[in-house]
Amino acid sequence: MASNVIYKTQPGYIAIGVAVIGTAFSSFLAYLIWSMNAPTAKDEYVKLFVFFIFASFALLCFVLGLSLRIFYLTENELIIERPVFFLIRRILVSDIVKITEADQKISVARGLGYDEYLGGTKATLYLKNGKKIKFESIAVWGYSTLIKKIRTQIRLNNAQKAGYSQNH
């Protein structure tokens, strides 16, 4: 890291738990179903259908585990690390134009209607080059502190620029 780290997040423990337990349990069930002997052709189709449901869920949980991110905030940049892939993305704090937050709602079908539940918050960082970076509160442990500290660093960075331009 180029300068001192002001704040470091951890991947959400819920996301890690779902990724590990969901992948292991669903893979185990998929293996058990795959290894069963089906007495008839109709039972074989049911077996394959149930196998693909569990295998798909295992794959989904595995991908969730691969997508986990760790954020490092320094005085000048936001560093996003994907530890599984050994990828690091650096974003200058001065390149962040604004941050927006929106509630994420989950719709659940009940009878003839839908119920909506709050599923967390999604943040969007807008960059000067027009790109957007999105991340969810459920996937980042320390989400609200990270957002507050990014906003503080943006204000400090803008104040430094304003002070520098007034002096010169």
N, C-alpha and C. Protein backbone atom coordinates (compact mmCIF):
# COMPACT_ATOMS: atom_id res chain seq x y z
N MET A 1 0.83 -1.17 0.00
CA MET A 1 0.00 0.00 0.00
C MET A 1 0.88 1.24 0.00
N ALA A 2 0.53 2.19 -0.84
CA ALA A 2 1.36 3.37 -1.02
C ALA A 2 1.38 4.26 0.22
N SER A 3 0.25 4.44 0.88
CA SER A 3 0.20 5.26 2.09
C SER A 3 -0.53 4.49 3.17
N ASN A 4 -0.65 5.10 4.34
CA ASN A 4 -1.25 4.41 5.46
C ASN A 4 -2.72 4.09 5.21
N VAL A 5 -3.11 2.92 5.64
CA VAL A 5 -4.50 2.49 5.48
C VAL A 5 -5.34 3.14 6.57
N ILE A 6 -6.37 3.86 6.16
CA ILE A 6 -7.29 4.50 7.09
C ILE A 6 -8.33 3.50 7.57
N TYR A 7 -8.83 2.68 6.65
CA TYR A 7 -9.86 1.71 7.00
C TYR A 7 -9.75 0.49 6.09
N LYS A 8 -9.98 -0.67 6.67
CA LYS A 8 -9.96 -1.93 5.92
C LYS A 8 -11.21 -2.71 6.28
N THR A 9 -11.92 -3.20 5.27
CA THR A 9 -13.11 -4.00 5.52
C THR A 9 -12.75 -5.49 5.47
N GLN A 10 -13.71 -6.29 5.83
CA GLN A 10 -13.61 -7.73 5.71
C GLN A 10 -14.79 -8.19 4.87
N PRO A 11 -14.67 -9.32 4.20
CA PRO A 11 -15.85 -9.86 3.51
C PRO A 11 -16.93 -10.15 4.55
N GLY A 12 -18.19 -10.01 4.17
CA GLY A 12 -19.28 -10.27 5.09
C GLY A 12 -19.28 -11.72 5.57
N TYR A 13 -19.42 -11.89 6.88
CA TYR A 13 -19.41 -13.24 7.43
C TYR A 13 -20.60 -14.06 6.94
N ILE A 14 -21.71 -13.40 6.68
CA ILE A 14 -22.88 -14.11 6.14
C ILE A 14 -22.55 -14.64 4.75
N ALA A 15 -21.94 -13.81 3.94
CA ALA A 15 -21.58 -14.24 2.58
C ALA A 15 -20.57 -15.38 2.61
N ILE A 16 -19.59 -15.30 3.50
CA ILE A 16 -18.61 -16.39 3.62
C ILE A 16 -19.30 -17.67 4.07
N GLY A 17 -20.18 -17.56 5.06
CA GLY A 17 -20.91 -18.74 5.55
C GLY A 17 -21.76 -19.38 4.49
N VAL A 18 -22.51 -18.56 3.76
CA VAL A 18 -23.35 -19.09 2.68
C VAL A 18 -22.49 -19.74 1.60
N ALA A 19 -21.39 -19.10 1.27
CA ALA A 19 -20.51 -19.63 0.22
C ALA A 19 -19.94 -20.99 0.62
N VAL A 20 -19.40 -21.08 1.82
CA VAL A 20 -18.75 -22.32 2.24
C VAL A 20 -19.76 -23.42 2.53
N ILE A 21 -20.73 -23.12 3.39
CA ILE A 21 -21.70 -24.15 3.78
C ILE A 21 -22.60 -24.52 2.60
N GLY A 22 -23.04 -23.53 1.86
CA GLY A 22 -23.90 -23.81 0.70
C GLY A 22 -23.20 -24.65 -0.35
N THR A 23 -21.95 -24.33 -0.63
CA THR A 23 -21.20 -25.12 -1.62
C THR A 23 -20.98 -26.54 -1.13
N ALA A 24 -20.55 -26.70 0.11
CA ALA A 24 -20.25 -28.03 0.65
C ALA A 24 -21.52 -28.88 0.76
N PHE A 25 -22.56 -28.33 1.36
CA PHE A 25 -23.78 -29.10 1.58
C PHE A 25 -24.47 -29.46 0.26
N SER A 26 -24.59 -28.49 -0.63
CA SER A 26 -25.25 -28.75 -1.91
C SER A 26 -24.44 -29.72 -2.77
N SER A 27 -23.13 -29.59 -2.72
CA SER A 27 -22.28 -30.54 -3.47
C SER A 27 -22.42 -31.95 -2.92
N PHE A 28 -22.47 -32.07 -1.60
CA PHE A 28 -22.64 -33.38 -0.97
C PHE A 28 -23.97 -34.00 -1.37
N LEU A 29 -25.05 -33.21 -1.31
CA LEU A 29 -26.36 -33.73 -1.70
C LEU A 29 -26.40 -34.08 -3.18
N ALA A 30 -25.79 -33.26 -4.02
CA ALA A 30 -25.73 -33.56 -5.45
C ALA A 30 -24.98 -34.87 -5.69
N TYR A 31 -23.88 -35.07 -4.97
CA TYR A 31 -23.11 -36.31 -5.10
C TYR A 31 -23.94 -37.51 -4.67
N LEU A 32 -24.65 -37.40 -3.54
CA LEU A 32 -25.50 -38.51 -3.07
C LEU A 32 -26.59 -38.85 -4.09
N ILE A 33 -27.20 -37.84 -4.64
CA ILE A 33 -28.25 -38.08 -5.63
C ILE A 33 -27.66 -38.69 -6.89
N TRP A 34 -26.51 -38.21 -7.33
CA TRP A 34 -25.87 -38.73 -8.53
C TRP A 34 -25.49 -40.20 -8.37
N SER A 35 -25.08 -40.58 -7.17
CA SER A 35 -24.62 -41.95 -6.94
C SER A 35 -25.76 -42.94 -6.67
N MET A 36 -27.00 -42.46 -6.57
CA MET A 36 -28.15 -43.36 -6.37
C MET A 36 -28.43 -44.14 -7.65
N ASN A 37 -28.98 -45.30 -7.46
CA ASN A 37 -29.43 -46.10 -8.61
C ASN A 37 -30.92 -45.89 -8.79
N ALA A 38 -31.31 -45.50 -9.98
CA ALA A 38 -32.73 -45.29 -10.28
C ALA A 38 -33.29 -46.55 -10.93
N PRO A 39 -34.37 -47.10 -10.37
CA PRO A 39 -34.91 -48.36 -10.92
C PRO A 39 -35.57 -48.22 -12.30
N THR A 40 -36.13 -47.06 -12.60
CA THR A 40 -36.82 -46.88 -13.89
C THR A 40 -36.29 -45.63 -14.58
N ALA A 41 -36.63 -45.51 -15.86
CA ALA A 41 -36.20 -44.35 -16.64
C ALA A 41 -36.84 -43.07 -16.10
N LYS A 42 -38.09 -43.15 -15.65
CA LYS A 42 -38.77 -41.99 -15.09
C LYS A 42 -38.04 -41.53 -13.82
N ASP A 43 -37.64 -42.46 -12.99
CA ASP A 43 -36.89 -42.12 -11.78
C ASP A 43 -35.54 -41.51 -12.13
N GLU A 44 -34.97 -41.93 -13.23
CA GLU A 44 -33.68 -41.37 -13.67
C GLU A 44 -33.82 -39.89 -14.02
N TYR A 45 -34.93 -39.53 -14.67
CA TYR A 45 -35.18 -38.13 -15.01
C TYR A 45 -35.37 -37.28 -13.75
N VAL A 46 -36.11 -37.81 -12.79
CA VAL A 46 -36.32 -37.11 -11.52
C VAL A 46 -34.98 -36.94 -10.81
N LYS A 47 -34.17 -38.00 -10.82
CA LYS A 47 -32.85 -37.95 -10.19
C LYS A 47 -31.99 -36.86 -10.83
N LEU A 48 -31.97 -36.80 -12.16
CA LEU A 48 -31.18 -35.79 -12.86
C LEU A 48 -31.68 -34.37 -12.56
N PHE A 49 -33.00 -34.22 -12.52
CA PHE A 49 -33.58 -32.91 -12.24
C PHE A 49 -33.15 -32.42 -10.85
N VAL A 50 -33.30 -33.28 -9.84
CA VAL A 50 -32.93 -32.91 -8.48
C VAL A 50 -31.41 -32.69 -8.38
N PHE A 51 -30.63 -33.51 -9.08
CA PHE A 51 -29.18 -33.34 -9.08
C PHE A 51 -28.81 -31.97 -9.62
N PHE A 52 -29.41 -31.55 -10.74
CA PHE A 52 -29.07 -30.26 -11.33
C PHE A 52 -29.50 -29.08 -10.45
N ILE A 53 -30.57 -29.25 -9.69
CA ILE A 53 -30.97 -28.19 -8.75
C ILE A 53 -29.88 -28.00 -7.70
N PHE A 54 -29.44 -29.11 -7.07
CA PHE A 54 -28.41 -28.99 -6.03
C PHE A 54 -27.07 -28.58 -6.61
N ALA A 55 -26.72 -29.08 -7.79
CA ALA A 55 -25.46 -28.71 -8.41
C ALA A 55 -25.46 -27.23 -8.78
N SER A 56 -26.60 -26.72 -9.26
CA SER A 56 -26.70 -25.30 -9.60
C SER A 56 -26.55 -24.43 -8.37
N PHE A 57 -27.19 -24.84 -7.27
CA PHE A 57 -27.07 -24.07 -6.04
C PHE A 57 -25.63 -24.09 -5.51
N ALA A 58 -24.97 -25.24 -5.62
CA ALA A 58 -23.56 -25.35 -5.20
C ALA A 58 -22.69 -24.41 -6.04
N LEU A 59 -22.94 -24.38 -7.34
CA LEU A 59 -22.17 -23.49 -8.21
C LEU A 59 -22.43 -22.03 -7.88
N LEU A 60 -23.68 -21.68 -7.62
CA LEU A 60 -24.03 -20.31 -7.25
C LEU A 60 -23.32 -19.90 -5.95
N CYS A 61 -23.31 -20.76 -4.97
CA CYS A 61 -22.61 -20.46 -3.71
C CYS A 61 -21.10 -20.35 -3.92
N PHE A 62 -20.56 -21.16 -4.79
CA PHE A 62 -19.13 -21.11 -5.09
C PHE A 62 -18.76 -19.78 -5.76
N VAL A 63 -19.59 -19.34 -6.69
CA VAL A 63 -19.35 -18.05 -7.37
C VAL A 63 -19.46 -16.90 -6.37
N LEU A 64 -20.39 -17.00 -5.41
CA LEU A 64 -20.49 -15.99 -4.36
C LEU A 64 -19.18 -15.92 -3.59
N GLY A 65 -18.60 -17.05 -3.28
CA GLY A 65 -17.32 -17.08 -2.58
C GLY A 65 -16.20 -16.46 -3.40
N LEU A 66 -16.23 -16.67 -4.70
CA LEU A 66 -15.20 -16.10 -5.57
C LEU A 66 -15.33 -14.58 -5.71
N SER A 67 -16.53 -14.05 -5.53
CA SER A 67 -16.75 -12.62 -5.76
C SER A 67 -16.52 -11.76 -4.52
N LEU A 68 -16.10 -12.34 -3.42
CA LEU A 68 -15.87 -11.56 -2.21
C LEU A 68 -14.76 -10.54 -2.41
N ARG A 69 -14.95 -9.35 -1.80
CA ARG A 69 -13.98 -8.26 -1.96
C ARG A 69 -13.58 -7.69 -0.59
N ILE A 70 -12.37 -7.18 -0.54
CA ILE A 70 -11.88 -6.46 0.63
C ILE A 70 -11.52 -5.05 0.16
N PHE A 71 -11.97 -4.05 0.91
CA PHE A 71 -11.72 -2.65 0.56
C PHE A 71 -10.69 -2.07 1.53
N TYR A 72 -9.71 -1.36 0.98
CA TYR A 72 -8.74 -0.61 1.76
C TYR A 72 -8.90 0.85 1.37
N LEU A 73 -9.03 1.71 2.36
CA LEU A 73 -9.12 3.14 2.09
C LEU A 73 -7.88 3.81 2.65
N THR A 74 -7.16 4.52 1.79
CA THR A 74 -6.00 5.30 2.21
C THR A 74 -6.34 6.77 2.00
N GLU A 75 -5.39 7.65 2.27
CA GLU A 75 -5.64 9.08 2.09
C GLU A 75 -5.95 9.43 0.65
N ASN A 76 -5.32 8.74 -0.29
CA ASN A 76 -5.44 9.13 -1.69
C ASN A 76 -6.19 8.14 -2.57
N GLU A 77 -6.39 6.91 -2.11
CA GLU A 77 -7.02 5.94 -2.99
C GLU A 77 -7.86 4.92 -2.25
N LEU A 78 -8.78 4.34 -2.99
CA LEU A 78 -9.60 3.23 -2.54
C LEU A 78 -9.08 2.00 -3.28
N ILE A 79 -8.70 0.99 -2.53
CA ILE A 79 -8.14 -0.22 -3.12
C ILE A 79 -9.14 -1.34 -2.92
N ILE A 80 -9.52 -1.99 -4.01
CA ILE A 80 -10.47 -3.10 -3.95
C ILE A 80 -9.71 -4.36 -4.31
N GLU A 81 -9.68 -5.28 -3.36
CA GLU A 81 -8.94 -6.53 -3.56
C GLU A 81 -9.91 -7.70 -3.64
N ARG A 82 -9.69 -8.56 -4.62
CA ARG A 82 -10.41 -9.83 -4.72
C ARG A 82 -9.40 -10.91 -4.35
N PRO A 83 -9.40 -11.34 -3.08
CA PRO A 83 -8.34 -12.23 -2.62
C PRO A 83 -8.28 -13.58 -3.32
N VAL A 84 -9.40 -14.10 -3.76
CA VAL A 84 -9.39 -15.41 -4.40
C VAL A 84 -8.65 -15.36 -5.74
N PHE A 85 -8.79 -14.26 -6.47
CA PHE A 85 -8.16 -14.12 -7.78
C PHE A 85 -6.84 -13.36 -7.73
N PHE A 86 -6.45 -12.86 -6.57
CA PHE A 86 -5.24 -12.05 -6.41
C PHE A 86 -5.30 -10.80 -7.30
N LEU A 87 -6.48 -10.22 -7.42
CA LEU A 87 -6.66 -9.01 -8.22
C LEU A 87 -6.77 -7.80 -7.30
N ILE A 88 -6.16 -6.71 -7.70
CA ILE A 88 -6.23 -5.46 -6.95
C ILE A 88 -6.59 -4.33 -7.91
N ARG A 89 -7.59 -3.55 -7.53
CA ARG A 89 -7.98 -2.38 -8.34
C ARG A 89 -7.80 -1.14 -7.47
N ARG A 90 -7.11 -0.17 -8.00
CA ARG A 90 -6.86 1.08 -7.28
C ARG A 90 -7.66 2.21 -7.92
N ILE A 91 -8.35 2.97 -7.08
CA ILE A 91 -9.13 4.10 -7.54
C ILE A 91 -8.71 5.32 -6.71
N LEU A 92 -8.31 6.36 -7.38
CA LEU A 92 -7.96 7.59 -6.68
C LEU A 92 -9.22 8.20 -6.06
N VAL A 93 -9.10 8.66 -4.84
CA VAL A 93 -10.24 9.30 -4.18
C VAL A 93 -10.67 10.52 -4.98
N SER A 94 -9.73 11.21 -5.60
CA SER A 94 -10.06 12.39 -6.41
C SER A 94 -10.84 12.03 -7.67
N ASP A 95 -10.83 10.75 -8.07
CA ASP A 95 -11.59 10.31 -9.25
C ASP A 95 -13.04 9.96 -8.92
N ILE A 96 -13.39 9.90 -7.63
CA ILE A 96 -14.76 9.58 -7.24
C ILE A 96 -15.57 10.86 -7.25
N VAL A 97 -16.57 10.90 -8.13
CA VAL A 97 -17.40 12.09 -8.27
C VAL A 97 -18.46 12.13 -7.17
N LYS A 98 -19.16 11.01 -6.97
CA LYS A 98 -20.18 10.97 -5.92
C LYS A 98 -20.46 9.51 -5.54
N ILE A 99 -21.15 9.38 -4.42
CA ILE A 99 -21.56 8.07 -3.91
C ILE A 99 -23.06 8.12 -3.69
N THR A 100 -23.77 7.11 -4.17
CA THR A 100 -25.20 7.01 -3.88
C THR A 100 -25.45 5.68 -3.19
N GLU A 101 -26.49 5.66 -2.39
CA GLU A 101 -26.90 4.43 -1.72
C GLU A 101 -28.39 4.21 -1.99
N ALA A 102 -28.75 2.96 -2.18
CA ALA A 102 -30.15 2.61 -2.41
C ALA A 102 -30.47 1.33 -1.66
N ASP A 103 -31.67 1.27 -1.11
CA ASP A 103 -32.10 0.05 -0.43
C ASP A 103 -32.31 -1.05 -1.44
N GLN A 104 -31.89 -2.25 -1.06
CA GLN A 104 -32.15 -3.42 -1.89
C GLN A 104 -33.35 -4.14 -1.30
N LYS A 105 -34.34 -4.39 -2.12
CA LYS A 105 -35.52 -5.08 -1.64
C LYS A 105 -35.61 -6.45 -2.30
N ILE A 106 -36.05 -7.41 -1.52
CA ILE A 106 -36.23 -8.77 -2.02
C ILE A 106 -37.73 -9.02 -2.08
N SER A 107 -38.23 -9.41 -3.25
CA SER A 107 -39.65 -9.72 -3.41
C SER A 107 -39.87 -11.21 -3.22
N VAL A 108 -40.84 -11.54 -2.36
CA VAL A 108 -41.16 -12.93 -2.09
C VAL A 108 -42.62 -13.15 -2.45
N ALA A 109 -42.88 -14.16 -3.29
CA ALA A 109 -44.25 -14.46 -3.71
C ALA A 109 -45.00 -15.11 -2.56
N ARG A 110 -46.21 -14.60 -2.30
CA ARG A 110 -47.09 -15.18 -1.29
C ARG A 110 -48.48 -15.20 -1.85
N GLY A 111 -48.97 -16.38 -2.13
CA GLY A 111 -50.31 -16.48 -2.68
C GLY A 111 -50.39 -15.77 -4.02
N LEU A 112 -51.26 -14.78 -4.10
CA LEU A 112 -51.44 -14.04 -5.34
C LEU A 112 -50.61 -12.75 -5.40
N GLY A 113 -49.96 -12.40 -4.31
CA GLY A 113 -49.21 -11.15 -4.29
C GLY A 113 -47.75 -11.36 -3.92
N TYR A 114 -47.08 -10.24 -3.75
CA TYR A 114 -45.66 -10.25 -3.39
C TYR A 114 -45.46 -9.44 -2.12
N ASP A 115 -44.58 -9.90 -1.28
CA ASP A 115 -44.14 -9.14 -0.12
C ASP A 115 -42.72 -8.70 -0.38
N GLU A 116 -42.40 -7.47 0.00
CA GLU A 116 -41.04 -6.98 -0.19
C GLU A 116 -40.37 -6.84 1.16
N TYR A 117 -39.14 -7.30 1.24
CA TYR A 117 -38.34 -7.22 2.44
C TYR A 117 -37.06 -6.46 2.12
N LEU A 118 -36.57 -5.73 3.10
CA LEU A 118 -35.32 -5.01 2.91
C LEU A 118 -34.17 -6.01 2.98
N GLY A 119 -33.33 -6.01 1.96
CA GLY A 119 -32.22 -6.95 1.89
C GLY A 119 -30.87 -6.30 2.05
N GLY A 120 -30.82 -5.09 2.55
CA GLY A 120 -29.54 -4.40 2.69
C GLY A 120 -29.51 -3.14 1.85
N THR A 121 -28.31 -2.64 1.66
CA THR A 121 -28.10 -1.41 0.91
C THR A 121 -27.05 -1.64 -0.16
N LYS A 122 -27.25 -1.00 -1.30
CA LYS A 122 -26.28 -1.08 -2.39
C LYS A 122 -25.69 0.30 -2.61
N ALA A 123 -24.37 0.37 -2.63
CA ALA A 123 -23.67 1.64 -2.88
C ALA A 123 -23.15 1.66 -4.31
N THR A 124 -23.18 2.83 -4.90
CA THR A 124 -22.63 3.02 -6.24
C THR A 124 -21.66 4.19 -6.18
N LEU A 125 -20.43 3.93 -6.60
CA LEU A 125 -19.41 4.97 -6.71
C LEU A 125 -19.36 5.41 -8.17
N TYR A 126 -19.55 6.69 -8.41
CA TYR A 126 -19.48 7.24 -9.77
C TYR A 126 -18.10 7.86 -9.96
N LEU A 127 -17.41 7.43 -11.00
CA LEU A 127 -16.06 7.91 -11.25
C LEU A 127 -16.06 8.96 -12.35
N LYS A 128 -14.99 9.74 -12.42
CA LYS A 128 -14.86 10.80 -13.43
C LYS A 128 -14.91 10.26 -14.85
N ASN A 129 -14.41 9.05 -15.07
CA ASN A 129 -14.39 8.48 -16.42
C ASN A 129 -15.73 7.89 -16.83
N GLY A 130 -16.76 8.05 -16.00
CA GLY A 130 -18.10 7.56 -16.33
C GLY A 130 -18.39 6.15 -15.83
N LYS A 131 -17.41 5.48 -15.31
CA LYS A 131 -17.62 4.11 -14.81
C LYS A 131 -18.29 4.15 -13.44
N LYS A 132 -18.94 3.03 -13.11
CA LYS A 132 -19.60 2.88 -11.82
C LYS A 132 -19.05 1.64 -11.14
N ILE A 133 -18.91 1.73 -9.83
CA ILE A 133 -18.51 0.58 -9.03
C ILE A 133 -19.61 0.36 -8.01
N LYS A 134 -20.16 -0.86 -8.00
CA LYS A 134 -21.26 -1.16 -7.10
C LYS A 134 -20.84 -2.26 -6.12
N PHE A 135 -21.33 -2.13 -4.90
CA PHE A 135 -21.14 -3.18 -3.91
C PHE A 135 -22.27 -3.11 -2.89
N GLU A 136 -22.54 -4.26 -2.26
CA GLU A 136 -23.67 -4.40 -1.36
C GLU A 136 -23.21 -4.48 0.09
N SER A 137 -24.09 -4.03 0.97
CA SER A 137 -23.78 -4.04 2.40
C SER A 137 -23.67 -5.46 2.95
N ILE A 138 -24.40 -6.38 2.40
CA ILE A 138 -24.38 -7.75 2.93
C ILE A 138 -23.06 -8.45 2.62
N ALA A 139 -22.35 -7.99 1.61
CA ALA A 139 -21.10 -8.64 1.21
C ALA A 139 -19.86 -7.98 1.83
N VAL A 140 -20.03 -6.86 2.52
CA VAL A 140 -18.88 -6.13 3.07
C VAL A 140 -19.10 -5.92 4.57
N TRP A 141 -18.24 -6.49 5.37
CA TRP A 141 -18.31 -6.29 6.82
C TRP A 141 -17.71 -4.92 7.13
N GLY A 142 -18.51 -4.01 7.68
CA GLY A 142 -18.05 -2.65 7.94
C GLY A 142 -18.48 -1.70 6.84
N TYR A 143 -19.55 -2.03 6.15
CA TYR A 143 -20.05 -1.26 5.00
C TYR A 143 -20.32 0.19 5.36
N SER A 144 -21.10 0.44 6.42
CA SER A 144 -21.50 1.81 6.73
C SER A 144 -20.29 2.67 7.14
N THR A 145 -19.35 2.08 7.87
CA THR A 145 -18.14 2.82 8.23
C THR A 145 -17.31 3.14 6.99
N LEU A 146 -17.22 2.19 6.07
CA LEU A 146 -16.49 2.42 4.83
C LEU A 146 -17.09 3.59 4.05
N ILE A 147 -18.39 3.62 3.91
CA ILE A 147 -19.06 4.69 3.16
C ILE A 147 -18.79 6.05 3.83
N LYS A 148 -18.91 6.10 5.16
CA LYS A 148 -18.65 7.36 5.88
C LYS A 148 -17.21 7.83 5.68
N LYS A 149 -16.28 6.90 5.76
CA LYS A 149 -14.87 7.27 5.63
C LYS A 149 -14.53 7.67 4.19
N ILE A 150 -15.14 7.04 3.20
CA ILE A 150 -14.92 7.46 1.80
C ILE A 150 -15.44 8.88 1.61
N ARG A 151 -16.64 9.15 2.13
CA ARG A 151 -17.19 10.50 2.00
C ARG A 151 -16.30 11.53 2.69
N THR A 152 -15.77 11.16 3.85
CA THR A 152 -14.87 12.07 4.57
C THR A 152 -13.61 12.33 3.75
N GLN A 153 -13.03 11.29 3.17
CA GLN A 153 -11.82 11.45 2.37
C GLN A 153 -12.08 12.30 1.13
N ILE A 154 -13.26 12.14 0.52
CA ILE A 154 -13.62 12.96 -0.65
C ILE A 154 -13.70 14.43 -0.23
N ARG A 155 -14.34 14.70 0.92
CA ARG A 155 -14.43 16.09 1.41
C ARG A 155 -13.05 16.66 1.71
N LEU A 156 -12.21 15.88 2.39
CA LEU A 156 -10.86 16.35 2.70
C LEU A 156 -10.05 16.60 1.43
N ASN A 157 -10.19 15.70 0.47
CA ASN A 157 -9.48 15.84 -0.80
C ASN A 157 -9.94 17.10 -1.54
N ASN A 158 -11.26 17.34 -1.56
CA ASN A 158 -11.79 18.54 -2.21
C ASN A 158 -11.37 19.80 -1.48
N ALA A 159 -11.31 19.75 -0.15
CA ALA A 159 -10.88 20.92 0.63
C ALA A 159 -9.41 21.22 0.36
N GLN A 160 -8.59 20.17 0.24
CA GLN A 160 -7.18 20.37 -0.07
C GLN A 160 -7.01 21.00 -1.45
N LYS A 161 -7.80 20.53 -2.41
CA LYS A 161 -7.71 21.10 -3.77
C LYS A 161 -8.14 22.56 -3.75
N ALA A 162 -9.23 22.86 -3.03
CA ALA A 162 -9.73 24.24 -2.96
C ALA A 162 -8.69 25.14 -2.28
N GLY A 163 -8.08 24.65 -1.21
CA GLY A 163 -7.06 25.43 -0.51
C GLY A 163 -5.83 25.62 -1.36
N TYR A 164 -5.44 24.61 -2.10
CA TYR A 164 -4.28 24.68 -2.97
C TYR A 164 -4.52 25.68 -4.10
N SER A 165 -5.74 25.63 -4.70
CA SER A 165 -6.00 26.53 -5.83
C SER A 165 -6.15 27.97 -5.37
N GLN A 166 -6.57 28.21 -4.12
CA GLN A 166 -6.68 29.57 -3.62
C GLN A 166 -5.31 30.15 -3.31
N ASN A 167 -4.38 29.28 -2.89
CA ASN A 167 -3.03 29.75 -2.57
C ASN A 167 -2.19 29.99 -3.81
N HIS A 168 -2.56 29.44 -4.93
CA HIS A 168 -1.74 29.58 -6.15
C HIS A 168 -2.48 30.28 -7.23
